[in-house]
PDB file of N, CA and C in Angstrom:
ATOM      1  N   UNK A   1       1.596  21.684 -30.915  1.00  0.00           N
ATOM      2  CA  UNK A   1       1.783  20.369 -30.350  1.00  0.00           C
ATOM      3  C   UNK A   1       0.408  19.772 -30.093  1.00  0.00           C
ATOM      4  N   UNK A   2       0.301  18.448 -30.332  1.00  0.00           N
ATOM      5  CA  UNK A   2      -0.992  17.795 -30.249  1.00  0.00           C
ATOM      6  C   UNK A   2      -0.802  16.316 -29.923  1.00  0.00           C
ATOM      7  N   UNK A   3      -1.754  15.754 -29.203  1.00  0.00           N
ATOM      8  CA  UNK A   3      -1.784  14.320 -28.942  1.00  0.00           C
ATOM      9  C   UNK A   3      -3.076  13.814 -29.559  1.00  0.00           C
ATOM     10  N   UNK A   4      -2.967  12.853 -30.474  1.00  0.00           N
ATOM     11  CA  UNK A   4      -4.143  12.438 -31.234  1.00  0.00           C
ATOM     12  C   UNK A   4      -4.079  10.984 -31.681  1.00  0.00           C
ATOM     13  N   UNK A   5      -5.270  10.415 -31.886  1.00  0.00           N
ATOM     14  CA  UNK A   5      -5.395   9.091 -32.515  1.00  0.00           C
ATOM     15  C   UNK A   5      -5.637   9.231 -34.005  1.00  0.00           C
ATOM     16  N   UNK A   6      -5.921  10.462 -34.435  1.00  0.00           N
ATOM     17  CA  UNK A   6      -6.264  10.719 -35.831  1.00  0.00           C
ATOM     18  C   UNK A   6      -5.017  11.024 -36.653  1.00  0.00           C
ATOM     19  N   UNK A   7      -4.159  10.026 -36.727  1.00  0.00           N
ATOM     20  CA  UNK A   7      -2.907  10.142 -37.485  1.00  0.00           C
ATOM     21  C   UNK A   7      -2.543   8.739 -37.955  1.00  0.00           C
ATOM     22  N   UNK A   8      -1.992   8.612 -39.154  1.00  0.00           N
ATOM     23  CA  UNK A   8      -1.635   7.282 -39.666  1.00  0.00           C
ATOM     24  C   UNK A   8      -0.678   6.494 -38.769  1.00  0.00           C
ATOM     25  N   UNK A   9       0.123   7.168 -37.968  1.00  0.00           N
ATOM     26  CA  UNK A   9       1.072   6.467 -37.102  1.00  0.00           C
ATOM     27  C   UNK A   9       0.429   5.928 -35.825  1.00  0.00           C
ATOM     28  N   UNK A  10      -0.777   6.361 -35.533  1.00  0.00           N
ATOM     29  CA  UNK A  10      -1.494   5.854 -34.365  1.00  0.00           C
ATOM     30  C   UNK A  10      -2.032   4.475 -34.698  1.00  0.00           C
ATOM     31  N   UNK A  11      -1.845   3.537 -33.768  1.00  0.00           N
ATOM     32  CA  UNK A  11      -2.367   2.194 -34.018  1.00  0.00           C
ATOM     33  C   UNK A  11      -3.014   1.652 -32.755  1.00  0.00           C
ATOM     34  N   UNK A  12      -4.026   0.845 -32.939  1.00  0.00           N
ATOM     35  CA  UNK A  12      -4.740   0.179 -31.852  1.00  0.00           C
ATOM     36  C   UNK A  12      -5.231   1.155 -30.795  1.00  0.00           C
ATOM     37  N   UNK A  13      -5.629   2.349 -31.222  1.00  0.00           N
ATOM     38  CA  UNK A  13      -6.191   3.330 -30.304  1.00  0.00           C
ATOM     39  C   UNK A  13      -5.191   4.050 -29.420  1.00  0.00           C
ATOM     40  N   UNK A  14      -3.897   3.839 -29.661  1.00  0.00           N
ATOM     41  CA  UNK A  14      -2.873   4.528 -28.870  1.00  0.00           C
ATOM     42  C   UNK A  14      -2.537   5.849 -29.563  1.00  0.00           C
ATOM     43  N   UNK A  15      -2.789   6.972 -28.889  1.00  0.00           N
ATOM     44  CA  UNK A  15      -2.486   8.270 -29.499  1.00  0.00           C
ATOM     45  C   UNK A  15      -0.984   8.460 -29.735  1.00  0.00           C
ATOM     46  N   UNK A  16      -0.683   9.346 -30.642  1.00  0.00           N
ATOM     47  CA  UNK A  16       0.700   9.749 -30.893  1.00  0.00           C
ATOM     48  C   UNK A  16       0.852  11.210 -30.495  1.00  0.00           C
ATOM     49  N   UNK A  17       2.082  11.602 -30.222  1.00  0.00           N
ATOM     50  CA  UNK A  17       2.391  12.992 -29.890  1.00  0.00           C
ATOM     51  C   UNK A  17       2.975  13.632 -31.138  1.00  0.00           C
ATOM     52  N   UNK A  18       2.361  14.737 -31.562  1.00  0.00           N
ATOM     53  CA  UNK A  18       2.826  15.456 -32.744  1.00  0.00           C
ATOM     54  C   UNK A  18       3.495  16.756 -32.320  1.00  0.00           C
ATOM     55  N   UNK A  19       4.600  17.058 -32.957  1.00  0.00           N
ATOM     56  CA  UNK A  19       5.290  18.326 -32.700  1.00  0.00           C
ATOM     57  C   UNK A  19       4.478  19.467 -33.313  1.00  0.00           C
ATOM     58  N   UNK A  20       4.918  20.687 -33.080  1.00  0.00           N
ATOM     59  CA  UNK A  20       4.231  21.842 -33.655  1.00  0.00           C
ATOM     60  C   UNK A  20       4.218  21.795 -35.178  1.00  0.00           C
ATOM     61  N   UNK A  21       5.207  21.133 -35.769  1.00  0.00           N
ATOM     62  CA  UNK A  21       5.265  21.026 -37.223  1.00  0.00           C
ATOM     63  C   UNK A  21       4.492  19.814 -37.750  1.00  0.00           C
ATOM     64  N   UNK A  22       3.880  19.030 -36.842  1.00  0.00           N
ATOM     65  CA  UNK A  22       3.076  17.880 -37.256  1.00  0.00           C
ATOM     66  C   UNK A  22       3.826  16.568 -37.340  1.00  0.00           C
ATOM     67  N   UNK A  23       5.095  16.572 -36.958  1.00  0.00           N
ATOM     68  CA  UNK A  23       5.894  15.347 -36.989  1.00  0.00           C
ATOM     69  C   UNK A  23       5.622  14.507 -35.743  1.00  0.00           C
ATOM     70  N   UNK A  24       5.589  13.182 -35.920  1.00  0.00           N
ATOM     71  CA  UNK A  24       5.410  12.267 -34.790  1.00  0.00           C
ATOM     72  C   UNK A  24       6.674  12.276 -33.936  1.00  0.00           C
ATOM     73  N   UNK A  25       6.480  12.408 -32.635  1.00  0.00           N
ATOM     74  CA  UNK A  25       7.608  12.409 -31.698  1.00  0.00           C
ATOM     75  C   UNK A  25       7.651  11.069 -30.972  1.00  0.00           C
ATOM     76  N   UNK A  26       8.839  10.604 -30.631  1.00  0.00           N
ATOM     77  CA  UNK A  26       8.961   9.451 -29.750  1.00  0.00           C
ATOM     78  C   UNK A  26       8.349   9.840 -28.408  1.00  0.00           C
ATOM     79  N   UNK A  27       7.882   8.851 -27.647  1.00  0.00           N
ATOM     80  CA  UNK A  27       7.145   9.171 -26.431  1.00  0.00           C
ATOM     81  C   UNK A  27       7.965   9.928 -25.391  1.00  0.00           C
ATOM     82  N   UNK A  28       9.186   9.508 -25.112  1.00  0.00           N
ATOM     83  CA  UNK A  28       9.971  10.175 -24.067  1.00  0.00           C
ATOM     84  C   UNK A  28      10.197  11.663 -24.384  1.00  0.00           C
ATOM     85  N   UNK A  29      10.747  12.007 -25.550  1.00  0.00           N
ATOM     86  CA  UNK A  29      10.917  13.434 -25.829  1.00  0.00           C
ATOM     87  C   UNK A  29       9.580  14.154 -26.020  1.00  0.00           C
ATOM     88  N   UNK A  30       8.583  13.440 -26.512  1.00  0.00           N
ATOM     89  CA  UNK A  30       7.267  14.038 -26.680  1.00  0.00           C
ATOM     90  C   UNK A  30       6.636  14.390 -25.341  1.00  0.00           C
ATOM     91  N   UNK A  31       6.725  13.474 -24.382  1.00  0.00           N
ATOM     92  CA  UNK A  31       6.195  13.756 -23.051  1.00  0.00           C
ATOM     93  C   UNK A  31       6.934  14.920 -22.404  1.00  0.00           C
ATOM     94  N   UNK A  32       8.245  14.949 -22.569  1.00  0.00           N
ATOM     95  CA  UNK A  32       9.030  16.058 -22.020  1.00  0.00           C
ATOM     96  C   UNK A  32       8.578  17.378 -22.624  1.00  0.00           C
ATOM     97  N   UNK A  33       8.356  17.395 -23.930  1.00  0.00           N
ATOM     98  CA  UNK A  33       7.903  18.619 -24.601  1.00  0.00           C
ATOM     99  C   UNK A  33       6.507  19.026 -24.119  1.00  0.00           C
ATOM    100  N   UNK A  34       5.618  18.060 -23.948  1.00  0.00           N
ATOM    101  CA  UNK A  34       4.263  18.360 -23.467  1.00  0.00           C
ATOM    102  C   UNK A  34       4.329  18.932 -22.051  1.00  0.00           C
ATOM    103  N   UNK A  35       5.106  18.304 -21.178  1.00  0.00           N
ATOM    104  CA  UNK A  35       5.216  18.803 -19.806  1.00  0.00           C
ATOM    105  C   UNK A  35       5.829  20.199 -19.771  1.00  0.00           C
ATOM    106  N   UNK A  36       6.801  20.442 -20.635  1.00  0.00           N
ATOM    107  CA  UNK A  36       7.388  21.787 -20.717  1.00  0.00           C
ATOM    108  C   UNK A  36       6.342  22.800 -21.173  1.00  0.00           C
ATOM    109  N   UNK A  37       5.536  22.424 -22.147  1.00  0.00           N
ATOM    110  CA  UNK A  37       4.490  23.320 -22.652  1.00  0.00           C
ATOM    111  C   UNK A  37       3.468  23.633 -21.557  1.00  0.00           C
ATOM    112  N   UNK A  38       3.126  22.615 -20.772  1.00  0.00           N
ATOM    113  CA  UNK A  38       2.161  22.795 -19.691  1.00  0.00           C
ATOM    114  C   UNK A  38       2.785  23.409 -18.437  1.00  0.00           C
ATOM    115  N   UNK A  39       4.133  23.479 -18.422  1.00  0.00           N
ATOM    116  CA  UNK A  39       4.879  23.942 -17.243  1.00  0.00           C
ATOM    117  C   UNK A  39       4.594  23.050 -16.038  1.00  0.00           C
ATOM    118  N   UNK A  40       4.578  21.747 -16.292  1.00  0.00           N
ATOM    119  CA  UNK A  40       4.332  20.738 -15.257  1.00  0.00           C
ATOM    120  C   UNK A  40       5.609  19.983 -14.956  1.00  0.00           C
ATOM    121  N   UNK A  41       5.748  19.591 -13.710  1.00  0.00           N
ATOM    122  CA  UNK A  41       6.797  18.657 -13.314  1.00  0.00           C
ATOM    123  C   UNK A  41       6.270  17.239 -13.561  1.00  0.00           C
ATOM    124  N   UNK A  42       7.137  16.267 -13.427  1.00  0.00           N
ATOM    125  CA  UNK A  42       6.679  14.882 -13.548  1.00  0.00           C
ATOM    126  C   UNK A  42       5.729  14.539 -12.408  1.00  0.00           C
ATOM    127  N   UNK A  43       5.932  15.153 -11.245  1.00  0.00           N
ATOM    128  CA  UNK A  43       5.027  14.926 -10.114  1.00  0.00           C
ATOM    129  C   UNK A  43       3.630  15.467 -10.432  1.00  0.00           C
ATOM    130  N   UNK A  44       3.566  16.631 -11.051  1.00  0.00           N
ATOM    131  CA  UNK A  44       2.263  17.197 -11.433  1.00  0.00           C
ATOM    132  C   UNK A  44       1.597  16.334 -12.502  1.00  0.00           C
ATOM    133  N   UNK A  45       2.386  15.853 -13.444  1.00  0.00           N
ATOM    134  CA  UNK A  45       1.879  14.960 -14.481  1.00  0.00           C
ATOM    135  C   UNK A  45       1.292  13.705 -13.845  1.00  0.00           C
ATOM    136  N   UNK A  46       2.033  13.108 -12.928  1.00  0.00           N
ATOM    137  CA  UNK A  46       1.573  11.886 -12.261  1.00  0.00           C
ATOM    138  C   UNK A  46       0.265  12.142 -11.513  1.00  0.00           C
ATOM    139  N   UNK A  47       0.203  13.227 -10.772  1.00  0.00           N
ATOM    140  CA  UNK A  47      -1.000  13.547 -10.001  1.00  0.00           C
ATOM    141  C   UNK A  47      -2.191  13.801 -10.920  1.00  0.00           C
ATOM    142  N   UNK A  48      -1.990  14.553 -11.986  1.00  0.00           N
ATOM    143  CA  UNK A  48      -3.077  14.870 -12.914  1.00  0.00           C
ATOM    144  C   UNK A  48      -3.653  13.608 -13.555  1.00  0.00           C
ATOM    145  N   UNK A  49      -2.795  12.647 -13.814  1.00  0.00           N
ATOM    146  CA  UNK A  49      -3.227  11.422 -14.501  1.00  0.00           C
ATOM    147  C   UNK A  49      -3.608  10.299 -13.539  1.00  0.00           C
ATOM    148  N   UNK A  50      -3.606  10.588 -12.232  1.00  0.00           N
ATOM    149  CA  UNK A  50      -4.087   9.620 -11.266  1.00  0.00           C
ATOM    150  C   UNK A  50      -3.078   8.591 -10.784  1.00  0.00           C
ATOM    151  N   UNK A  51      -1.796   8.840 -11.027  1.00  0.00           N
ATOM    152  CA  UNK A  51      -0.767   7.933 -10.527  1.00  0.00           C
ATOM    153  C   UNK A  51      -0.437   8.289  -9.085  1.00  0.00           C
ATOM    154  N   UNK A  52      -0.016   7.303  -8.313  1.00  0.00           N
ATOM    155  CA  UNK A  52       0.232   7.512  -6.883  1.00  0.00           C
ATOM    156  C   UNK A  52       1.490   8.320  -6.599  1.00  0.00           C
ATOM    157  N   UNK A  53       2.473   8.218  -7.475  1.00  0.00           N
ATOM    158  CA  UNK A  53       3.717   8.947  -7.235  1.00  0.00           C
ATOM    159  C   UNK A  53       4.416   9.227  -8.562  1.00  0.00           C
ATOM    160  N   UNK A  54       5.351  10.174  -8.541  1.00  0.00           N
ATOM    161  CA  UNK A  54       6.113  10.461  -9.763  1.00  0.00           C
ATOM    162  C   UNK A  54       6.887   9.248 -10.271  1.00  0.00           C
ATOM    163  N   UNK A  55       7.288   8.367  -9.372  1.00  0.00           N
ATOM    164  CA  UNK A  55       8.012   7.153  -9.810  1.00  0.00           C
ATOM    165  C   UNK A  55       7.152   6.292 -10.723  1.00  0.00           C
ATOM    166  N   UNK A  56       5.844   6.401 -10.575  1.00  0.00           N
ATOM    167  CA  UNK A  56       4.927   5.597 -11.387  1.00  0.00           C
ATOM    168  C   UNK A  56       4.974   5.966 -12.862  1.00  0.00           C
ATOM    169  N   UNK A  57       5.413   7.178 -13.183  1.00  0.00           N
ATOM    170  CA  UNK A  57       5.448   7.601 -14.586  1.00  0.00           C
ATOM    171  C   UNK A  57       6.851   7.561 -15.180  1.00  0.00           C
ATOM    172  N   UNK A  58       7.861   7.317 -14.354  1.00  0.00           N
ATOM    173  CA  UNK A  58       9.244   7.295 -14.854  1.00  0.00           C
ATOM    174  C   UNK A  58       9.435   6.277 -15.970  1.00  0.00           C
ATOM    175  N   UNK A  59       8.672   5.198 -15.930  1.00  0.00           N
ATOM    176  CA  UNK A  59       8.804   4.152 -16.952  1.00  0.00           C
ATOM    177  C   UNK A  59       8.528   4.661 -18.362  1.00  0.00           C
ATOM    178  N   UNK A  60       7.754   5.746 -18.472  1.00  0.00           N
ATOM    179  CA  UNK A  60       7.444   6.293 -19.792  1.00  0.00           C
ATOM    180  C   UNK A  60       8.660   6.949 -20.434  1.00  0.00           C
ATOM    181  N   UNK A  61       9.653   7.259 -19.638  1.00  0.00           N
ATOM    182  CA  UNK A  61      10.909   7.814 -20.158  1.00  0.00           C
ATOM    183  C   UNK A  61      11.953   6.720 -20.333  1.00  0.00           C
ATOM    184  N   UNK A  62      11.539   5.473 -20.071  1.00  0.00           N
ATOM    185  CA  UNK A  62      12.457   4.340 -20.197  1.00  0.00           C
ATOM    186  C   UNK A  62      11.966   3.331 -21.227  1.00  0.00           C
ATOM    187  N   UNK A  63      11.087   3.768 -22.122  1.00  0.00           N
ATOM    188  CA  UNK A  63      10.674   2.915 -23.228  1.00  0.00           C
ATOM    189  C   UNK A  63       9.292   2.298 -23.131  1.00  0.00           C
ATOM    190  N   UNK A  64       8.616   2.443 -21.992  1.00  0.00           N
ATOM    191  CA  UNK A  64       7.259   1.913 -21.865  1.00  0.00           C
ATOM    192  C   UNK A  64       6.287   2.915 -22.490  1.00  0.00           C
ATOM    193  N   UNK A  65       5.410   2.430 -23.350  1.00  0.00           N
ATOM    194  CA  UNK A  65       4.428   3.304 -23.997  1.00  0.00           C
ATOM    195  C   UNK A  65       3.339   3.650 -22.987  1.00  0.00           C
ATOM    196  N   UNK A  66       3.049   4.936 -22.821  1.00  0.00           N
ATOM    197  CA  UNK A  66       1.992   5.322 -21.889  1.00  0.00           C
ATOM    198  C   UNK A  66       0.637   4.774 -22.337  1.00  0.00           C
ATOM    199  N   UNK A  67      -0.233   4.425 -21.387  1.00  0.00           N
ATOM    200  CA  UNK A  67      -1.570   3.964 -21.760  1.00  0.00           C
ATOM    201  C   UNK A  67      -2.351   5.068 -22.480  1.00  0.00           C
ATOM    202  N   UNK A  68      -3.290   4.648 -23.313  1.00  0.00           N
ATOM    203  CA  UNK A  68      -4.112   5.606 -24.056  1.00  0.00           C
ATOM    204  C   UNK A  68      -4.820   6.568 -23.109  1.00  0.00           C
ATOM    205  N   UNK A  69      -5.308   6.074 -21.977  1.00  0.00           N
ATOM    206  CA  UNK A  69      -6.018   6.943 -21.029  1.00  0.00           C
ATOM    207  C   UNK A  69      -5.112   8.069 -20.526  1.00  0.00           C
ATOM    208  N   UNK A  70      -3.861   7.759 -20.261  1.00  0.00           N
ATOM    209  CA  UNK A  70      -2.902   8.773 -19.802  1.00  0.00           C
ATOM    210  C   UNK A  70      -2.661   9.802 -20.893  1.00  0.00           C
ATOM    211  N   UNK A  71      -2.449   9.331 -22.113  1.00  0.00           N
ATOM    212  CA  UNK A  71      -2.224  10.247 -23.233  1.00  0.00           C
ATOM    213  C   UNK A  71      -3.460  11.097 -23.507  1.00  0.00           C
ATOM    214  N   UNK A  72      -4.643  10.509 -23.341  1.00  0.00           N
ATOM    215  CA  UNK A  72      -5.875  11.275 -23.558  1.00  0.00           C
ATOM    216  C   UNK A  72      -6.037  12.374 -22.515  1.00  0.00           C
ATOM    217  N   UNK A  73      -5.694  12.091 -21.244  1.00  0.00           N
ATOM    218  CA  UNK A  73      -5.744  13.119 -20.211  1.00  0.00           C
ATOM    219  C   UNK A  73      -4.774  14.252 -20.523  1.00  0.00           C
ATOM    220  N   UNK A  74      -3.591  13.901 -21.004  1.00  0.00           N
ATOM    221  CA  UNK A  74      -2.616  14.937 -21.398  1.00  0.00           C
ATOM    222  C   UNK A  74      -3.127  15.730 -22.588  1.00  0.00           C
ATOM    223  N   UNK A  75      -3.782  15.068 -23.509  1.00  0.00           N
ATOM    224  CA  UNK A  75      -4.324  15.749 -24.685  1.00  0.00           C
ATOM    225  C   UNK A  75      -5.343  16.806 -24.278  1.00  0.00           C
ATOM    226  N   UNK A  76      -6.212  16.462 -23.343  1.00  0.00           N
ATOM    227  CA  UNK A  76      -7.220  17.417 -22.860  1.00  0.00           C
ATOM    228  C   UNK A  76      -6.547  18.591 -22.156  1.00  0.00           C
ATOM    229  N   UNK A  77      -5.553  18.300 -21.319  1.00  0.00           N
ATOM    230  CA  UNK A  77      -4.834  19.377 -20.624  1.00  0.00           C
ATOM    231  C   UNK A  77      -4.126  20.289 -21.621  1.00  0.00           C
ATOM    232  N   UNK A  78      -3.524  19.685 -22.634  1.00  0.00           N
ATOM    233  CA  UNK A  78      -2.804  20.455 -23.647  1.00  0.00           C
ATOM    234  C   UNK A  78      -3.765  21.322 -24.452  1.00  0.00           C
ATOM    235  N   UNK A  79      -4.910  20.786 -24.824  1.00  0.00           N
ATOM    236  CA  UNK A  79      -5.892  21.557 -25.592  1.00  0.00           C
ATOM    237  C   UNK A  79      -6.436  22.719 -24.770  1.00  0.00           C
ATOM    238  N   UNK A  80      -6.604  22.517 -23.476  1.00  0.00           N
ATOM    239  CA  UNK A  80      -7.086  23.581 -22.616  1.00  0.00           C
ATOM    240  C   UNK A  80      -6.044  24.649 -22.335  1.00  0.00           C
ATOM    241  N   UNK A  81      -4.799  24.309 -22.553  1.00  0.00           N
ATOM    242  CA  UNK A  81      -3.677  25.225 -22.284  1.00  0.00           C
ATOM    243  C   UNK A  81      -3.426  26.188 -23.439  1.00  0.00           C
ATOM    244  N   UNK A  82      -3.779  25.756 -24.639  1.00  0.00           N
ATOM    245  CA  UNK A  82      -3.454  26.570 -25.824  1.00  0.00           C
ATOM    246  C   UNK A  82      -4.489  27.615 -26.113  1.00  0.00           C
TER     247      UNK A  82
END
């Protein structure tokens, strides 16, 4: 699993989430998979990325694309976990 801007599906500097097989994942299931891999709750995800509360990140599971900075922080955490 990987979060990267170096993929044809990435546009305007927004990273994409790739599955272990290299397929692009939609953000909601991709974020869930990343959090499962990191063994993080949504509260831990929110805290790690500088959000004030877990409610602040719920929108990412409701169709809002996470900011590049948030995805980049997750990418670093994921790379350090593997």
